[in-house]
Amino acid sequence: MCNWLCELLFYLNSFFCHQIPSRSLFIAGLQLPLCSRCTALNLGLLVGYLWLFSRYKAKKFCYSLPLVLIFLAPMAIDGLTQFLGFRESTNELRIITGSLAGIAIANALGYVVFELKNFDYERTGYGTCFLIYLFGTFAVTFSLKLAVEFGDILVYYLLSLILTLLTILNNILIPLYVVYLLIRYLAKR
């Protein structure tokens, strides 16, 4: 493809990620436009959204604040210990902690949206929620490992485009939607 497309994707994502090469994944010799943690976080959010959509259709949902915090904690610990200089994290660890956090954030976001929209749903057990977090993390980690190991230029561009769209969705559109729902909810009170 074109060099201008790479530059455009890097520019668009530069508002949301540091893009440090040593903390990024490379496919076909090209650096992805997000670092490994942001890549996994956005893909984890996508897995979480897909799960939420299935839960929305089934009108069953599980939310547990302690479970969300448990799955956010590894990313916080990994990032904080690296920031404080205690150790250097690895891209593999960044991918695992980022995808866990992404799925947990999607679950928490789903709960907020469902509550603000007064969506009637049946509360389900935490076991399914826990398994989805773990399965989603495995799926993201395995997919990225395959993409890095065997990916070609088309995989690079496809993943870069998907990541850019997810970054815009997760950092601009969904927060605006939640603010809109919150304003609408408060206006009804």
C-alpha atoms as a PDB file:
ATOM      1  CA  MET A   1       0.000   0.000   0.000  1.00  0.00           C
ATOM      2  CA  CYS A   2       1.026   3.622   0.372  1.00  0.00           C
ATOM      3  CA  ASN A   3       3.417   5.352   2.674  1.00  0.00           C
ATOM      4  CA  TRP A   4       0.888   8.167   3.169  1.00  0.00           C
ATOM      5  CA  LEU A   5      -1.605   5.702   4.699  1.00  0.00           C
ATOM      6  CA  CYS A   6       0.971   4.582   7.286  1.00  0.00           C
ATOM      7  CA  GLU A   7       1.739   8.205   8.136  1.00  0.00           C
ATOM      8  CA  LEU A   8      -1.959   9.079   8.415  1.00  0.00           C
ATOM      9  CA  LEU A   9      -2.677   6.129  10.736  1.00  0.00           C
ATOM     10  CA  PHE A  10       0.330   7.010  12.902  1.00  0.00           C
ATOM     11  CA  TYR A  11      -0.741  10.642  13.078  1.00  0.00           C
ATOM     12  CA  LEU A  12      -4.347   9.826  14.032  1.00  0.00           C
ATOM     13  CA  ASN A  13      -3.235   7.449  16.770  1.00  0.00           C
ATOM     14  CA  SER A  14      -0.508   9.772  18.079  1.00  0.00           C
ATOM     15  CA  PHE A  15      -3.152  11.703  20.023  1.00  0.00           C
ATOM     16  CA  PHE A  16      -3.919   8.605  22.112  1.00  0.00           C
ATOM     17  CA  CYS A  17      -0.652   6.644  22.380  1.00  0.00           C
ATOM     18  CA  HIS A  18       3.066   7.330  22.888  1.00  0.00           C
ATOM     19  CA  GLN A  19       3.971   4.922  20.021  1.00  0.00           C
ATOM     20  CA  ILE A  20       7.417   4.097  21.441  1.00  0.00           C
ATOM     21  CA  PRO A  21       8.955   1.547  19.026  1.00  0.00           C
ATOM     22  CA  SER A  22      10.440  -0.675  21.763  1.00  0.00           C
ATOM     23  CA  ARG A  23       6.977  -0.987  23.323  1.00  0.00           C
ATOM     24  CA  SER A  24       5.207  -1.671  20.019  1.00  0.00           C
ATOM     25  CA  LEU A  25       4.522  -4.654  17.830  1.00  0.00           C
ATOM     26  CA  PHE A  26       5.859  -4.977  14.305  1.00  0.00           C
ATOM     27  CA  ILE A  27       4.142  -6.848  11.492  1.00  0.00           C
ATOM     28  CA  ALA A  28       5.965  -7.399   8.207  1.00  0.00           C
ATOM     29  CA  GLY A  29       8.689  -5.088   9.519  1.00  0.00           C
ATOM     30  CA  LEU A  30       6.253  -2.199  10.105  1.00  0.00           C
ATOM     31  CA  GLN A  31       5.396  -0.764  13.517  1.00  0.00           C
ATOM     32  CA  LEU A  32       1.714  -0.812  14.436  1.00  0.00           C
ATOM     33  CA  PRO A  33       0.297   2.684  15.080  1.00  0.00           C
ATOM     34  CA  LEU A  34      -0.366   1.878  18.762  1.00  0.00           C
ATOM     35  CA  CYS A  35       1.947   0.445  21.411  1.00  0.00           C
ATOM     36  CA  SER A  36       1.380  -3.168  22.433  1.00  0.00           C
ATOM     37  CA  ARG A  37      -0.646  -2.240  25.539  1.00  0.00           C
ATOM     38  CA  CYS A  38      -2.936   0.169  23.630  1.00  0.00           C
ATOM     39  CA  THR A  39      -3.298  -2.389  20.837  1.00  0.00           C
ATOM     40  CA  ALA A  40      -4.393  -5.075  23.302  1.00  0.00           C
ATOM     41  CA  LEU A  41      -6.588  -2.648  25.257  1.00  0.00           C
ATOM     42  CA  ASN A  42      -8.498  -1.659  22.116  1.00  0.00           C
ATOM     43  CA  LEU A  43      -8.836  -5.265  20.924  1.00  0.00           C
ATOM     44  CA  GLY A  44      -9.930  -6.278  24.448  1.00  0.00           C
ATOM     45  CA  LEU A  45     -12.584  -3.577  24.319  1.00  0.00           C
ATOM     46  CA  LEU A  46     -13.742  -4.989  20.970  1.00  0.00           C
ATOM     47  CA  VAL A  47     -14.052  -8.479  22.476  1.00  0.00           C
ATOM     48  CA  GLY A  48     -15.930  -6.959  25.413  1.00  0.00           C
ATOM     49  CA  TYR A  49     -18.296  -5.088  23.098  1.00  0.00           C
ATOM     50  CA  LEU A  50     -19.038  -8.253  21.130  1.00  0.00           C
ATOM     51  CA  TRP A  51     -19.817 -10.043  24.383  1.00  0.00           C
ATOM     52  CA  LEU A  52     -22.014  -7.129  25.531  1.00  0.00           C
ATOM     53  CA  PHE A  53     -23.917  -7.218  22.251  1.00  0.00           C
ATOM     54  CA  SER A  54     -24.646 -10.920  22.756  1.00  0.00           C
ATOM     55  CA  ARG A  55     -25.728 -10.206  26.343  1.00  0.00           C
ATOM     56  CA  TYR A  56     -27.943  -7.345  25.145  1.00  0.00           C
ATOM     57  CA  LYS A  57     -29.695  -9.661  22.694  1.00  0.00           C
ATOM     58  CA  ALA A  58     -30.145 -12.337  25.374  1.00  0.00           C
ATOM     59  CA  LYS A  59     -31.228  -9.728  27.964  1.00  0.00           C
ATOM     60  CA  LYS A  60     -28.802 -11.287  30.451  1.00  0.00           C
ATOM     61  CA  PHE A  61     -25.826  -9.497  31.916  1.00  0.00           C
ATOM     62  CA  CYS A  62     -23.295  -9.907  34.711  1.00  0.00           C
ATOM     63  CA  TYR A  63     -21.490  -7.044  36.358  1.00  0.00           C
ATOM     64  CA  SER A  64     -19.214  -7.194  39.350  1.00  0.00           C
ATOM     65  CA  LEU A  65     -17.177  -4.175  40.420  1.00  0.00           C
ATOM     66  CA  PRO A  66     -14.697  -6.355  42.345  1.00  0.00           C
ATOM     67  CA  LEU A  67     -14.196  -8.527  39.248  1.00  0.00           C
ATOM     68  CA  VAL A  68     -13.626  -5.443  37.074  1.00  0.00           C
ATOM     69  CA  LEU A  69     -11.087  -4.101  39.578  1.00  0.00           C
ATOM     70  CA  ILE A  70      -9.329  -7.474  39.780  1.00  0.00           C
ATOM     71  CA  PHE A  71      -8.873  -7.501  35.999  1.00  0.00           C
ATOM     72  CA  LEU A  72      -7.793  -3.841  35.870  1.00  0.00           C
ATOM     73  CA  ALA A  73      -5.218  -4.333  38.625  1.00  0.00           C
ATOM     74  CA  PRO A  74      -2.590  -6.223  36.566  1.00  0.00           C
ATOM     75  CA  MET A  75      -2.343  -3.383  34.036  1.00  0.00           C
ATOM     76  CA  ALA A  76      -2.152  -0.794  36.807  1.00  0.00           C
ATOM     77  CA  ILE A  77       0.552  -2.746  38.638  1.00  0.00           C
ATOM     78  CA  ASP A  78       2.522  -3.434  35.447  1.00  0.00           C
ATOM     79  CA  GLY A  79       2.374   0.186  34.310  1.00  0.00           C
ATOM     80  CA  LEU A  80       3.085   1.654  37.739  1.00  0.00           C
ATOM     81  CA  THR A  81       6.060  -0.595  38.529  1.00  0.00           C
ATOM     82  CA  GLN A  82       7.539   0.231  35.136  1.00  0.00           C
ATOM     83  CA  PHE A  83       6.871   3.959  35.539  1.00  0.00           C
ATOM     84  CA  LEU A  84       8.526   3.962  38.982  1.00  0.00           C
ATOM     85  CA  GLY A  85      11.579   2.232  37.499  1.00  0.00           C
ATOM     86  CA  PHE A  86      11.319  -1.021  39.450  1.00  0.00           C
ATOM     87  CA  ARG A  87      11.440  -3.079  36.277  1.00  0.00           C
ATOM     88  CA  GLU A  88      10.878  -2.994  32.524  1.00  0.00           C
ATOM     89  CA  SER A  89       7.702  -4.621  31.279  1.00  0.00           C
ATOM     90  CA  THR A  90       7.606  -6.833  28.200  1.00  0.00           C
ATOM     91  CA  ASN A  91       5.346  -6.523  25.191  1.00  0.00           C
ATOM     92  CA  GLU A  92       3.818  -9.907  25.985  1.00  0.00           C
ATOM     93  CA  LEU A  93       2.910  -8.763  29.506  1.00  0.00           C
ATOM     94  CA  ARG A  94       1.569  -5.475  28.117  1.00  0.00           C
ATOM     95  CA  ILE A  95      -0.656  -7.436  25.723  1.00  0.00           C
ATOM     96  CA  ILE A  96      -2.042  -9.687  28.456  1.00  0.00           C
ATOM     97  CA  THR A  97      -2.691  -6.885  30.946  1.00  0.00           C
ATOM     98  CA  GLY A  98      -4.064  -4.576  28.246  1.00  0.00           C
ATOM     99  CA  SER A  99      -6.558  -7.115  26.921  1.00  0.00           C
ATOM    100  CA  LEU A 100      -7.711  -8.024  30.447  1.00  0.00           C
ATOM    101  CA  ALA A 101      -8.276  -4.340  31.169  1.00  0.00           C
ATOM    102  CA  GLY A 102     -10.038  -3.746  27.848  1.00  0.00           C
ATOM    103  CA  ILE A 103     -12.561  -6.496  28.456  1.00  0.00           C
ATOM    104  CA  ALA A 104     -13.113  -5.310  32.039  1.00  0.00           C
ATOM    105  CA  ILE A 105     -13.633  -1.707  30.908  1.00  0.00           C
ATOM    106  CA  ALA A 106     -16.121  -2.833  28.237  1.00  0.00           C
ATOM    107  CA  ASN A 107     -18.028  -4.744  30.908  1.00  0.00           C
ATOM    108  CA  ALA A 108     -18.119  -1.734  33.232  1.00  0.00           C
ATOM    109  CA  LEU A 109     -19.118   0.528  30.351  1.00  0.00           C
ATOM    110  CA  GLY A 110     -21.884  -1.890  29.391  1.00  0.00           C
ATOM    111  CA  TYR A 111     -23.236  -1.761  32.922  1.00  0.00           C
ATOM    112  CA  VAL A 112     -23.258   2.057  32.892  1.00  0.00           C
ATOM    113  CA  VAL A 113     -24.997   2.193  29.497  1.00  0.00           C
ATOM    114  CA  PHE A 114     -27.566  -0.455  30.457  1.00  0.00           C
ATOM    115  CA  GLU A 115     -28.371   1.391  33.683  1.00  0.00           C
ATOM    116  CA  LEU A 116     -28.578   4.824  32.050  1.00  0.00           C
ATOM    117  CA  LYS A 117     -30.886   3.458  29.365  1.00  0.00           C
ATOM    118  CA  ASN A 118     -33.010   1.655  32.001  1.00  0.00           C
ATOM    119  CA  PHE A 119     -32.471  -1.558  30.076  1.00  0.00           C
ATOM    120  CA  ASP A 120     -34.310  -4.461  31.695  1.00  0.00           C
ATOM    121  CA  TYR A 121     -32.032  -7.468  31.976  1.00  0.00           C
ATOM    122  CA  GLU A 122     -31.551 -10.573  34.072  1.00  0.00           C
ATOM    123  CA  ARG A 123     -28.445 -10.617  36.242  1.00  0.00           C
ATOM    124  CA  THR A 124     -26.376 -13.733  35.624  1.00  0.00           C
ATOM    125  CA  GLY A 125     -23.595 -15.481  37.506  1.00  0.00           C
ATOM    126  CA  TYR A 126     -20.032 -14.246  37.726  1.00  0.00           C
ATOM    127  CA  GLY A 127     -18.540 -17.493  36.437  1.00  0.00           C
ATOM    128  CA  THR A 128     -19.464 -16.706  32.839  1.00  0.00           C
ATOM    129  CA  CYS A 129     -18.100 -13.193  33.201  1.00  0.00           C
ATOM    130  CA  PHE A 130     -14.807 -14.528  34.555  1.00  0.00           C
ATOM    131  CA  LEU A 131     -14.493 -17.083  31.752  1.00  0.00           C
ATOM    132  CA  ILE A 132     -15.218 -14.478  29.077  1.00  0.00           C
ATOM    133  CA  TYR A 133     -12.467 -12.249  30.495  1.00  0.00           C
ATOM    134  CA  LEU A 134      -9.976 -15.111  30.369  1.00  0.00           C
ATOM    135  CA  PHE A 135     -11.070 -16.416  26.965  1.00  0.00           C
ATOM    136  CA  GLY A 136     -11.042 -12.918  25.470  1.00  0.00           C
ATOM    137  CA  THR A 137      -7.552 -12.291  26.803  1.00  0.00           C
ATOM    138  CA  PHE A 138      -6.346 -15.572  25.338  1.00  0.00           C
ATOM    139  CA  ALA A 139      -7.975 -14.777  21.973  1.00  0.00           C
ATOM    140  CA  VAL A 140      -6.388 -11.303  21.768  1.00  0.00           C
ATOM    141  CA  THR A 141      -2.966 -12.550  22.880  1.00  0.00           C
ATOM    142  CA  PHE A 142      -2.993 -15.524  20.513  1.00  0.00           C
ATOM    143  CA  SER A 143      -4.262 -13.454  17.558  1.00  0.00           C
ATOM    144  CA  LEU A 144      -1.589 -10.801  18.019  1.00  0.00           C
ATOM    145  CA  LYS A 145       1.109 -13.441  18.385  1.00  0.00           C
ATOM    146  CA  LEU A 146      -0.010 -15.026  15.098  1.00  0.00           C
ATOM    147  CA  ALA A 147      -0.195 -11.657  13.356  1.00  0.00           C
ATOM    148  CA  VAL A 148       3.336 -10.747  14.431  1.00  0.00           C
ATOM    149  CA  GLU A 149       4.745 -14.186  13.633  1.00  0.00           C
ATOM    150  CA  PHE A 150       3.080 -14.889  10.294  1.00  0.00           C
ATOM    151  CA  GLY A 151       1.519 -11.587   9.262  1.00  0.00           C
ATOM    152  CA  ASP A 152       2.199  -9.943   5.966  1.00  0.00           C
ATOM    153  CA  ILE A 153       1.656  -6.422   4.724  1.00  0.00           C
ATOM    154  CA  LEU A 154      -2.095  -6.918   4.268  1.00  0.00           C
ATOM    155  CA  VAL A 155      -2.459  -8.106   7.866  1.00  0.00           C
ATOM    156  CA  TYR A 156      -0.519  -5.041   8.965  1.00  0.00           C
ATOM    157  CA  TYR A 157      -2.771  -2.598   7.102  1.00  0.00           C
ATOM    158  CA  LEU A 158      -5.974  -4.372   8.099  1.00  0.00           C
ATOM    159  CA  LEU A 159      -5.002  -4.433  11.780  1.00  0.00           C
ATOM    160  CA  SER A 160      -3.777  -0.822  11.646  1.00  0.00           C
ATOM    161  CA  LEU A 161      -7.078   0.342  10.148  1.00  0.00           C
ATOM    162  CA  ILE A 162      -9.093  -1.642  12.705  1.00  0.00           C
ATOM    163  CA  LEU A 163      -7.000  -0.232  15.560  1.00  0.00           C
ATOM    164  CA  THR A 164      -7.446   3.320  14.294  1.00  0.00           C
ATOM    165  CA  LEU A 165     -11.210   2.903  14.066  1.00  0.00           C
ATOM    166  CA  LEU A 166     -11.316   1.333  17.538  1.00  0.00           C
ATOM    167  CA  THR A 167      -9.194   4.147  18.954  1.00  0.00           C
ATOM    168  CA  ILE A 168     -11.594   6.763  17.588  1.00  0.00           C
ATOM    169  CA  LEU A 169     -14.579   4.744  18.816  1.00  0.00           C
ATOM    170  CA  ASN A 170     -13.166   4.124  22.300  1.00  0.00           C
ATOM    171  CA  ASN A 171     -11.663   7.552  22.928  1.00  0.00           C
ATOM    172  CA  ILE A 172     -14.137   9.886  21.245  1.00  0.00           C
ATOM    173  CA  LEU A 173     -17.457   8.359  20.172  1.00  0.00           C
ATOM    174  CA  ILE A 174     -18.293   6.117  23.134  1.00  0.00           C
ATOM    175  CA  PRO A 175     -17.391   8.746  25.775  1.00  0.00           C
ATOM    176  CA  LEU A 176     -19.583  11.249  23.911  1.00  0.00           C
ATOM    177  CA  TYR A 177     -22.404   8.697  23.833  1.00  0.00           C
ATOM    178  CA  VAL A 178     -22.096   8.045  27.577  1.00  0.00           C
ATOM    179  CA  VAL A 179     -22.130  11.796  28.288  1.00  0.00           C
ATOM    180  CA  TYR A 180     -25.229  12.116  26.077  1.00  0.00           C
ATOM    181  CA  LEU A 181     -26.947   9.278  27.978  1.00  0.00           C
ATOM    182  CA  LEU A 182     -25.978  10.833  31.305  1.00  0.00           C
ATOM    183  CA  ILE A 183     -27.365  14.239  30.314  1.00  0.00           C
ATOM    184  CA  ARG A 184     -30.557  12.624  29.046  1.00  0.00           C
ATOM    185  CA  TYR A 185     -30.865  10.566  32.248  1.00  0.00           C
ATOM    186  CA  LEU A 186     -30.365  13.619  34.462  1.00  0.00           C
ATOM    187  CA  ALA A 187     -32.820  15.684  32.404  1.00  0.00           C
ATOM    188  CA  LYS A 188     -35.549  13.081  33.027  1.00  0.00           C
ATOM    189  CA  ARG A 189     -35.085  13.301  36.811  1.00  0.00           C
END
